[in-house]
Amino acid sequence: MDMRALSPSFAVAPQILPEDVPALAEAGVAAVICNRPDMENPVELRADVLRAAVEAAGLAFYDNPVVGGGLSLEDVQAQAQVMAETDGPVLAYCASGTRSAILWAFAMAGEMSTDDILKALSGAGYALEGMRPQLDALAAQR
């Protein structure tokens, strides 16, 4: 499993597997967010299968699927709410981790400087400098 920390309390990963969940619990993850729509996955990796594994390990599970290119402000707000209400580290996953990283970045706009957000993304391997105008615009609205 390729878990990449964006902050001390938030990490992203490509698609996780049910057998990855014990390692997440051992790492102290408190909640898992699925940002991958079921239509992208085979039956054995759909959200309900991962929810069962995550909840069986005593972790919280949230389904916030985002279709590539279809990100909305509501998706960002849902992600931010889970982040704010979870007592402990959160892991979000999608196909590559990129959608989850973008959701985190937009949720953090106005909470962190744009430079710090982009530095965290870059440090985790996500080259998303092109998001700067959107991050600045969101930060200005908050």
N, C-alpha and C. Protein backbone atom coordinates (compact mmCIF):
# COMPACT_ATOMS: atom_id res chain seq x y z
N MET A 1 0.85 -1.17 0.00
CA MET A 1 0.00 0.00 0.00
C MET A 1 0.89 1.24 0.00
N ASP A 2 0.54 2.19 -0.84
CA ASP A 2 1.32 3.41 -1.03
C ASP A 2 0.60 4.58 -0.36
N MET A 3 0.80 4.73 0.95
CA MET A 3 0.15 5.79 1.71
C MET A 3 1.09 7.00 1.74
N ARG A 4 0.57 8.17 1.32
CA ARG A 4 1.38 9.39 1.24
C ARG A 4 0.79 10.47 2.14
N ALA A 5 1.55 10.90 3.13
CA ALA A 5 1.09 11.92 4.08
C ALA A 5 1.12 13.30 3.43
N LEU A 6 0.02 14.02 3.58
CA LEU A 6 -0.05 15.42 3.16
C LEU A 6 0.06 16.34 4.36
N SER A 7 -0.29 15.81 5.52
CA SER A 7 -0.18 16.53 6.78
C SER A 7 -0.07 15.47 7.87
N PRO A 8 0.19 15.87 9.11
CA PRO A 8 0.26 14.87 10.17
C PRO A 8 -1.06 14.11 10.38
N SER A 9 -2.17 14.71 9.95
CA SER A 9 -3.46 14.07 10.19
C SER A 9 -4.19 13.61 8.93
N PHE A 10 -3.54 13.70 7.77
CA PHE A 10 -4.22 13.33 6.53
C PHE A 10 -3.23 12.72 5.54
N ALA A 11 -3.62 11.57 4.98
CA ALA A 11 -2.82 10.90 3.97
C ALA A 11 -3.73 10.44 2.84
N VAL A 12 -3.14 10.21 1.70
CA VAL A 12 -3.88 9.70 0.54
C VAL A 12 -3.20 8.43 0.05
N ALA A 13 -3.94 7.66 -0.73
CA ALA A 13 -3.41 6.42 -1.28
C ALA A 13 -4.16 6.06 -2.55
N PRO A 14 -3.50 5.30 -3.41
CA PRO A 14 -4.24 4.67 -4.50
C PRO A 14 -5.19 3.63 -3.90
N GLN A 15 -5.98 3.02 -4.71
CA GLN A 15 -6.96 2.03 -4.26
C GLN A 15 -6.39 1.12 -3.18
N ILE A 16 -7.08 1.04 -2.06
CA ILE A 16 -6.68 0.11 -1.01
C ILE A 16 -7.44 -1.20 -1.19
N LEU A 17 -6.93 -2.23 -0.56
CA LEU A 17 -7.53 -3.56 -0.61
C LEU A 17 -8.02 -3.92 0.80
N PRO A 18 -8.99 -4.81 0.92
CA PRO A 18 -9.43 -5.22 2.25
C PRO A 18 -8.28 -5.72 3.12
N GLU A 19 -7.32 -6.39 2.52
CA GLU A 19 -6.19 -6.90 3.31
C GLU A 19 -5.23 -5.80 3.78
N ASP A 20 -5.38 -4.57 3.27
CA ASP A 20 -4.57 -3.44 3.74
C ASP A 20 -5.09 -2.85 5.05
N VAL A 21 -6.33 -3.12 5.37
CA VAL A 21 -6.98 -2.45 6.51
C VAL A 21 -6.29 -2.71 7.85
N PRO A 22 -5.86 -3.93 8.17
CA PRO A 22 -5.16 -4.11 9.45
C PRO A 22 -3.93 -3.20 9.59
N ALA A 23 -3.20 -3.00 8.51
CA ALA A 23 -2.03 -2.11 8.56
C ALA A 23 -2.45 -0.66 8.79
N LEU A 24 -3.60 -0.28 8.25
CA LEU A 24 -4.11 1.08 8.49
C LEU A 24 -4.44 1.26 9.96
N ALA A 25 -5.11 0.28 10.53
CA ALA A 25 -5.46 0.35 11.95
C ALA A 25 -4.20 0.38 12.80
N GLU A 26 -3.23 -0.44 12.46
CA GLU A 26 -1.96 -0.48 13.19
C GLU A 26 -1.21 0.85 13.09
N ALA A 27 -1.36 1.54 11.95
CA ALA A 27 -0.71 2.84 11.75
C ALA A 27 -1.44 3.97 12.47
N GLY A 28 -2.59 3.67 13.08
CA GLY A 28 -3.32 4.69 13.83
C GLY A 28 -4.35 5.45 13.05
N VAL A 29 -4.64 5.03 11.83
CA VAL A 29 -5.67 5.70 11.03
C VAL A 29 -7.01 5.55 11.75
N ALA A 30 -7.74 6.66 11.86
CA ALA A 30 -9.03 6.64 12.55
C ALA A 30 -10.20 6.53 11.58
N ALA A 31 -10.02 7.05 10.36
CA ALA A 31 -11.11 7.05 9.39
C ALA A 31 -10.55 6.89 7.98
N VAL A 32 -11.35 6.27 7.12
CA VAL A 32 -11.01 6.07 5.73
C VAL A 32 -12.11 6.71 4.89
N ILE A 33 -11.69 7.49 3.88
CA ILE A 33 -12.63 8.10 2.94
C ILE A 33 -12.41 7.48 1.57
N CYS A 34 -13.46 6.97 0.99
CA CYS A 34 -13.41 6.45 -0.38
C CYS A 34 -13.82 7.55 -1.33
N ASN A 35 -12.89 7.97 -2.20
CA ASN A 35 -13.19 8.98 -3.22
C ASN A 35 -13.35 8.37 -4.60
N ARG A 36 -13.42 7.05 -4.65
CA ARG A 36 -13.50 6.34 -5.94
C ARG A 36 -14.91 5.80 -6.16
N PRO A 37 -15.55 6.20 -7.25
CA PRO A 37 -16.89 5.67 -7.53
C PRO A 37 -16.86 4.17 -7.81
N ASP A 38 -17.90 3.48 -7.40
CA ASP A 38 -17.99 2.04 -7.61
C ASP A 38 -17.88 1.64 -9.07
N MET A 39 -18.34 2.51 -9.97
CA MET A 39 -18.32 2.16 -11.39
C MET A 39 -16.90 1.97 -11.92
N GLU A 40 -15.89 2.44 -11.19
CA GLU A 40 -14.50 2.28 -11.60
C GLU A 40 -13.87 0.98 -11.10
N ASN A 41 -14.55 0.28 -10.22
CA ASN A 41 -13.97 -0.86 -9.53
C ASN A 41 -14.67 -2.17 -9.83
N PRO A 42 -13.92 -3.27 -9.74
CA PRO A 42 -14.58 -4.58 -9.77
C PRO A 42 -15.35 -4.76 -8.46
N VAL A 43 -16.26 -5.69 -8.44
CA VAL A 43 -17.13 -5.92 -7.29
C VAL A 43 -16.34 -6.07 -5.99
N GLU A 44 -15.21 -6.76 -6.04
CA GLU A 44 -14.46 -7.03 -4.81
C GLU A 44 -13.77 -5.80 -4.22
N LEU A 45 -13.79 -4.67 -4.93
CA LEU A 45 -13.18 -3.44 -4.40
C LEU A 45 -14.17 -2.29 -4.27
N ARG A 46 -15.43 -2.60 -4.35
CA ARG A 46 -16.44 -1.55 -4.21
C ARG A 46 -16.51 -1.04 -2.78
N ALA A 47 -17.10 0.12 -2.63
CA ALA A 47 -17.13 0.80 -1.33
C ALA A 47 -17.73 -0.05 -0.23
N ASP A 48 -18.80 -0.80 -0.51
CA ASP A 48 -19.42 -1.59 0.56
C ASP A 48 -18.49 -2.69 1.07
N VAL A 49 -17.65 -3.24 0.20
CA VAL A 49 -16.68 -4.26 0.61
C VAL A 49 -15.62 -3.63 1.50
N LEU A 50 -15.12 -2.47 1.09
CA LEU A 50 -14.10 -1.79 1.89
C LEU A 50 -14.70 -1.28 3.20
N ARG A 51 -15.94 -0.80 3.14
CA ARG A 51 -16.61 -0.35 4.37
C ARG A 51 -16.66 -1.48 5.40
N ALA A 52 -17.03 -2.67 4.96
CA ALA A 52 -17.12 -3.82 5.88
C ALA A 52 -15.76 -4.11 6.51
N ALA A 53 -14.70 -4.10 5.72
CA ALA A 53 -13.36 -4.38 6.24
C ALA A 53 -12.90 -3.28 7.19
N VAL A 54 -13.14 -2.04 6.82
CA VAL A 54 -12.71 -0.89 7.63
C VAL A 54 -13.46 -0.88 8.96
N GLU A 55 -14.77 -1.03 8.91
CA GLU A 55 -15.56 -1.00 10.14
C GLU A 55 -15.27 -2.22 11.03
N ALA A 56 -14.98 -3.36 10.41
CA ALA A 56 -14.62 -4.55 11.20
C ALA A 56 -13.32 -4.33 11.98
N ALA A 57 -12.47 -3.45 11.47
CA ALA A 57 -11.21 -3.12 12.15
C ALA A 57 -11.39 -2.00 13.17
N GLY A 58 -12.62 -1.50 13.31
CA GLY A 58 -12.90 -0.46 14.29
C GLY A 58 -12.66 0.95 13.81
N LEU A 59 -12.52 1.13 12.51
CA LEU A 59 -12.29 2.45 11.93
C LEU A 59 -13.59 2.97 11.31
N ALA A 60 -13.68 4.28 11.17
CA ALA A 60 -14.83 4.89 10.51
C ALA A 60 -14.61 4.86 8.99
N PHE A 61 -15.69 4.75 8.23
CA PHE A 61 -15.62 4.73 6.78
C PHE A 61 -16.60 5.75 6.22
N TYR A 62 -16.14 6.52 5.25
CA TYR A 62 -16.98 7.53 4.59
C TYR A 62 -16.85 7.35 3.10
N ASP A 63 -17.98 7.42 2.41
CA ASP A 63 -18.02 7.28 0.96
C ASP A 63 -18.27 8.66 0.37
N ASN A 64 -17.28 9.21 -0.32
CA ASN A 64 -17.38 10.52 -0.98
C ASN A 64 -16.84 10.36 -2.39
N PRO A 65 -17.57 9.60 -3.24
CA PRO A 65 -17.05 9.31 -4.58
C PRO A 65 -17.02 10.54 -5.47
N VAL A 66 -15.92 10.67 -6.21
CA VAL A 66 -15.76 11.79 -7.14
C VAL A 66 -15.41 11.21 -8.50
N VAL A 67 -16.23 11.51 -9.47
CA VAL A 67 -15.96 11.08 -10.84
C VAL A 67 -14.89 12.00 -11.40
N GLY A 68 -13.88 11.43 -12.03
CA GLY A 68 -12.81 12.23 -12.62
C GLY A 68 -13.36 13.37 -13.46
N GLY A 69 -12.92 14.58 -13.19
CA GLY A 69 -13.40 15.75 -13.91
C GLY A 69 -14.72 16.28 -13.39
N GLY A 70 -15.30 15.64 -12.38
CA GLY A 70 -16.61 16.05 -11.88
C GLY A 70 -16.58 16.55 -10.45
N LEU A 71 -15.46 17.04 -10.00
CA LEU A 71 -15.31 17.53 -8.63
C LEU A 71 -16.20 18.74 -8.39
N SER A 72 -16.92 18.73 -7.26
CA SER A 72 -17.81 19.85 -6.91
C SER A 72 -17.43 20.42 -5.55
N LEU A 73 -17.93 21.61 -5.28
CA LEU A 73 -17.71 22.23 -3.98
C LEU A 73 -18.33 21.38 -2.88
N GLU A 74 -19.44 20.70 -3.16
CA GLU A 74 -20.06 19.82 -2.18
C GLU A 74 -19.14 18.65 -1.82
N ASP A 75 -18.42 18.13 -2.83
CA ASP A 75 -17.45 17.06 -2.56
C ASP A 75 -16.35 17.56 -1.62
N VAL A 76 -15.87 18.77 -1.87
CA VAL A 76 -14.83 19.36 -1.04
C VAL A 76 -15.34 19.56 0.38
N GLN A 77 -16.55 20.08 0.50
CA GLN A 77 -17.14 20.32 1.82
C GLN A 77 -17.35 19.02 2.59
N ALA A 78 -17.78 17.97 1.92
CA ALA A 78 -17.96 16.68 2.58
C ALA A 78 -16.63 16.15 3.08
N GLN A 79 -15.58 16.28 2.27
CA GLN A 79 -14.25 15.84 2.67
C GLN A 79 -13.77 16.65 3.88
N ALA A 80 -13.95 17.96 3.81
CA ALA A 80 -13.51 18.84 4.90
C ALA A 80 -14.24 18.52 6.20
N GLN A 81 -15.51 18.17 6.10
CA GLN A 81 -16.29 17.85 7.30
C GLN A 81 -15.74 16.60 7.98
N VAL A 82 -15.45 15.57 7.20
CA VAL A 82 -14.87 14.35 7.78
C VAL A 82 -13.54 14.68 8.44
N MET A 83 -12.71 15.45 7.76
CA MET A 83 -11.41 15.82 8.30
C MET A 83 -11.56 16.57 9.62
N ALA A 84 -12.51 17.48 9.68
CA ALA A 84 -12.69 18.30 10.88
C ALA A 84 -13.29 17.51 12.04
N GLU A 85 -14.13 16.55 11.75
CA GLU A 85 -14.86 15.83 12.79
C GLU A 85 -14.18 14.54 13.25
N THR A 86 -13.13 14.13 12.58
CA THR A 86 -12.47 12.88 12.93
C THR A 86 -11.37 13.15 13.95
N ASP A 87 -11.41 12.39 15.02
CA ASP A 87 -10.40 12.48 16.06
C ASP A 87 -9.30 11.47 15.75
N GLY A 88 -8.33 11.91 14.97
CA GLY A 88 -7.24 11.03 14.57
C GLY A 88 -6.98 11.15 13.09
N PRO A 89 -5.95 10.48 12.61
CA PRO A 89 -5.57 10.57 11.20
C PRO A 89 -6.62 9.98 10.26
N VAL A 90 -6.71 10.60 9.09
CA VAL A 90 -7.64 10.19 8.05
C VAL A 90 -6.85 9.76 6.82
N LEU A 91 -7.28 8.69 6.18
CA LEU A 91 -6.72 8.25 4.91
C LEU A 91 -7.83 8.31 3.87
N ALA A 92 -7.57 8.99 2.76
CA ALA A 92 -8.51 9.01 1.64
C ALA A 92 -7.87 8.28 0.47
N TYR A 93 -8.68 7.54 -0.28
CA TYR A 93 -8.14 6.81 -1.42
C TYR A 93 -9.02 6.99 -2.64
N CYS A 94 -8.39 6.81 -3.80
CA CYS A 94 -9.08 6.79 -5.09
C CYS A 94 -8.22 5.90 -6.00
N ALA A 95 -8.27 6.08 -7.28
CA ALA A 95 -7.50 5.21 -8.18
C ALA A 95 -6.00 5.40 -8.01
N SER A 96 -5.54 6.66 -7.98
CA SER A 96 -4.11 6.95 -7.89
C SER A 96 -3.74 7.76 -6.65
N GLY A 97 -4.73 8.29 -5.96
CA GLY A 97 -4.50 9.19 -4.84
C GLY A 97 -4.65 10.65 -5.25
N THR A 98 -4.66 10.93 -6.54
CA THR A 98 -4.69 12.32 -7.00
C THR A 98 -6.00 13.01 -6.65
N ARG A 99 -7.14 12.39 -6.92
CA ARG A 99 -8.43 13.03 -6.58
C ARG A 99 -8.50 13.32 -5.09
N SER A 100 -8.05 12.36 -4.29
CA SER A 100 -8.07 12.55 -2.84
C SER A 100 -7.15 13.71 -2.44
N ALA A 101 -6.00 13.81 -3.09
CA ALA A 101 -5.07 14.91 -2.80
C ALA A 101 -5.67 16.25 -3.20
N ILE A 102 -6.35 16.29 -4.32
CA ILE A 102 -6.99 17.53 -4.78
C ILE A 102 -8.10 17.94 -3.81
N LEU A 103 -8.90 16.99 -3.36
CA LEU A 103 -9.95 17.31 -2.39
C LEU A 103 -9.35 17.88 -1.11
N TRP A 104 -8.27 17.28 -0.63
CA TRP A 104 -7.59 17.80 0.57
C TRP A 104 -7.11 19.22 0.32
N ALA A 105 -6.47 19.45 -0.82
CA ALA A 105 -5.93 20.77 -1.13
C ALA A 105 -7.03 21.83 -1.13
N PHE A 106 -8.14 21.53 -1.78
CA PHE A 106 -9.24 22.49 -1.82
C PHE A 106 -9.84 22.69 -0.43
N ALA A 107 -9.92 21.63 0.36
CA ALA A 107 -10.44 21.75 1.73
C ALA A 107 -9.53 22.59 2.60
N MET A 108 -8.24 22.59 2.31
CA MET A 108 -7.27 23.33 3.12
C MET A 108 -7.09 24.77 2.65
N ALA A 109 -7.62 25.12 1.48
CA ALA A 109 -7.50 26.50 0.97
C ALA A 109 -8.10 27.46 1.99
N GLY A 110 -7.34 28.43 2.39
CA GLY A 110 -7.78 29.37 3.41
C GLY A 110 -7.38 28.96 4.81
N GLU A 111 -7.10 27.67 5.01
CA GLU A 111 -6.62 27.15 6.29
C GLU A 111 -5.10 27.14 6.32
N MET A 112 -4.51 26.89 5.17
CA MET A 112 -3.05 26.89 4.97
C MET A 112 -2.76 27.82 3.80
N SER A 113 -1.54 28.29 3.71
CA SER A 113 -1.18 29.10 2.55
C SER A 113 -1.15 28.21 1.30
N THR A 114 -1.39 28.83 0.17
CA THR A 114 -1.34 28.09 -1.08
C THR A 114 0.04 27.48 -1.29
N ASP A 115 1.08 28.23 -0.95
CA ASP A 115 2.44 27.70 -1.09
C ASP A 115 2.63 26.44 -0.25
N ASP A 116 2.13 26.45 1.00
CA ASP A 116 2.28 25.28 1.87
C ASP A 116 1.47 24.09 1.35
N ILE A 117 0.29 24.35 0.82
CA ILE A 117 -0.53 23.28 0.24
C ILE A 117 0.21 22.64 -0.93
N LEU A 118 0.70 23.47 -1.83
CA LEU A 118 1.40 22.95 -3.01
C LEU A 118 2.70 22.25 -2.63
N LYS A 119 3.37 22.73 -1.61
CA LYS A 119 4.59 22.07 -1.13
C LYS A 119 4.26 20.68 -0.58
N ALA A 120 3.17 20.57 0.18
CA ALA A 120 2.76 19.26 0.72
C ALA A 120 2.40 18.30 -0.41
N LEU A 121 1.67 18.80 -1.40
CA LEU A 121 1.31 17.96 -2.54
C LEU A 121 2.55 17.49 -3.29
N SER A 122 3.45 18.40 -3.57
CA SER A 122 4.67 18.07 -4.29
C SER A 122 5.51 17.07 -3.50
N GLY A 123 5.62 17.26 -2.19
CA GLY A 123 6.38 16.35 -1.35
C GLY A 123 5.83 14.94 -1.34
N ALA A 124 4.52 14.83 -1.62
CA ALA A 124 3.89 13.51 -1.68
C ALA A 124 3.87 12.93 -3.10
N GLY A 125 4.47 13.69 -4.03
CA GLY A 125 4.56 13.19 -5.40
C GLY A 125 3.46 13.65 -6.33
N TYR A 126 2.71 14.66 -5.94
CA TYR A 126 1.62 15.17 -6.78
C TYR A 126 1.99 16.56 -7.29
N ALA A 127 2.32 16.67 -8.56
CA ALA A 127 2.71 17.93 -9.18
C ALA A 127 1.44 18.65 -9.65
N LEU A 128 0.91 19.48 -8.78
CA LEU A 128 -0.37 20.13 -9.06
C LEU A 128 -0.28 21.65 -8.97
N GLU A 129 0.86 22.20 -9.35
CA GLU A 129 1.08 23.65 -9.32
C GLU A 129 0.00 24.40 -10.10
N GLY A 130 -0.55 23.77 -11.13
CA GLY A 130 -1.60 24.39 -11.93
C GLY A 130 -2.87 24.70 -11.15
N MET A 131 -2.99 24.16 -9.94
CA MET A 131 -4.16 24.43 -9.10
C MET A 131 -4.06 25.76 -8.36
N ARG A 132 -2.91 26.43 -8.42
CA ARG A 132 -2.70 27.64 -7.65
C ARG A 132 -3.85 28.66 -7.80
N PRO A 133 -4.30 28.99 -9.02
CA PRO A 133 -5.38 29.98 -9.12
C PRO A 133 -6.67 29.55 -8.40
N GLN A 134 -7.02 28.27 -8.51
CA GLN A 134 -8.23 27.80 -7.84
C GLN A 134 -8.06 27.83 -6.33
N LEU A 135 -6.89 27.45 -5.85
CA LEU A 135 -6.63 27.48 -4.39
C LEU A 135 -6.68 28.91 -3.88
N ASP A 136 -6.07 29.84 -4.61
CA ASP A 136 -6.11 31.24 -4.20
C ASP A 136 -7.53 31.78 -4.20
N ALA A 137 -8.33 31.40 -5.20
CA ALA A 137 -9.71 31.86 -5.27
C ALA A 137 -10.54 31.31 -4.11
N LEU A 138 -10.36 30.04 -3.83
CA LEU A 138 -11.10 29.45 -2.68
C LEU A 138 -10.67 30.10 -1.36
N ALA A 139 -9.39 30.33 -1.20
CA ALA A 139 -8.89 30.95 0.03
C ALA A 139 -9.48 32.35 0.19
N ALA A 140 -9.60 33.08 -0.90
CA ALA A 140 -10.15 34.44 -0.84
C ALA A 140 -11.63 34.45 -0.45
N GLN A 141 -12.34 33.36 -0.72
CA GLN A 141 -13.77 33.25 -0.40
C GLN A 141 -14.01 32.90 1.06
N ARG A 142 -12.98 32.44 1.76
CA ARG A 142 -13.17 31.95 3.13
C ARG A 142 -12.82 32.98 4.14
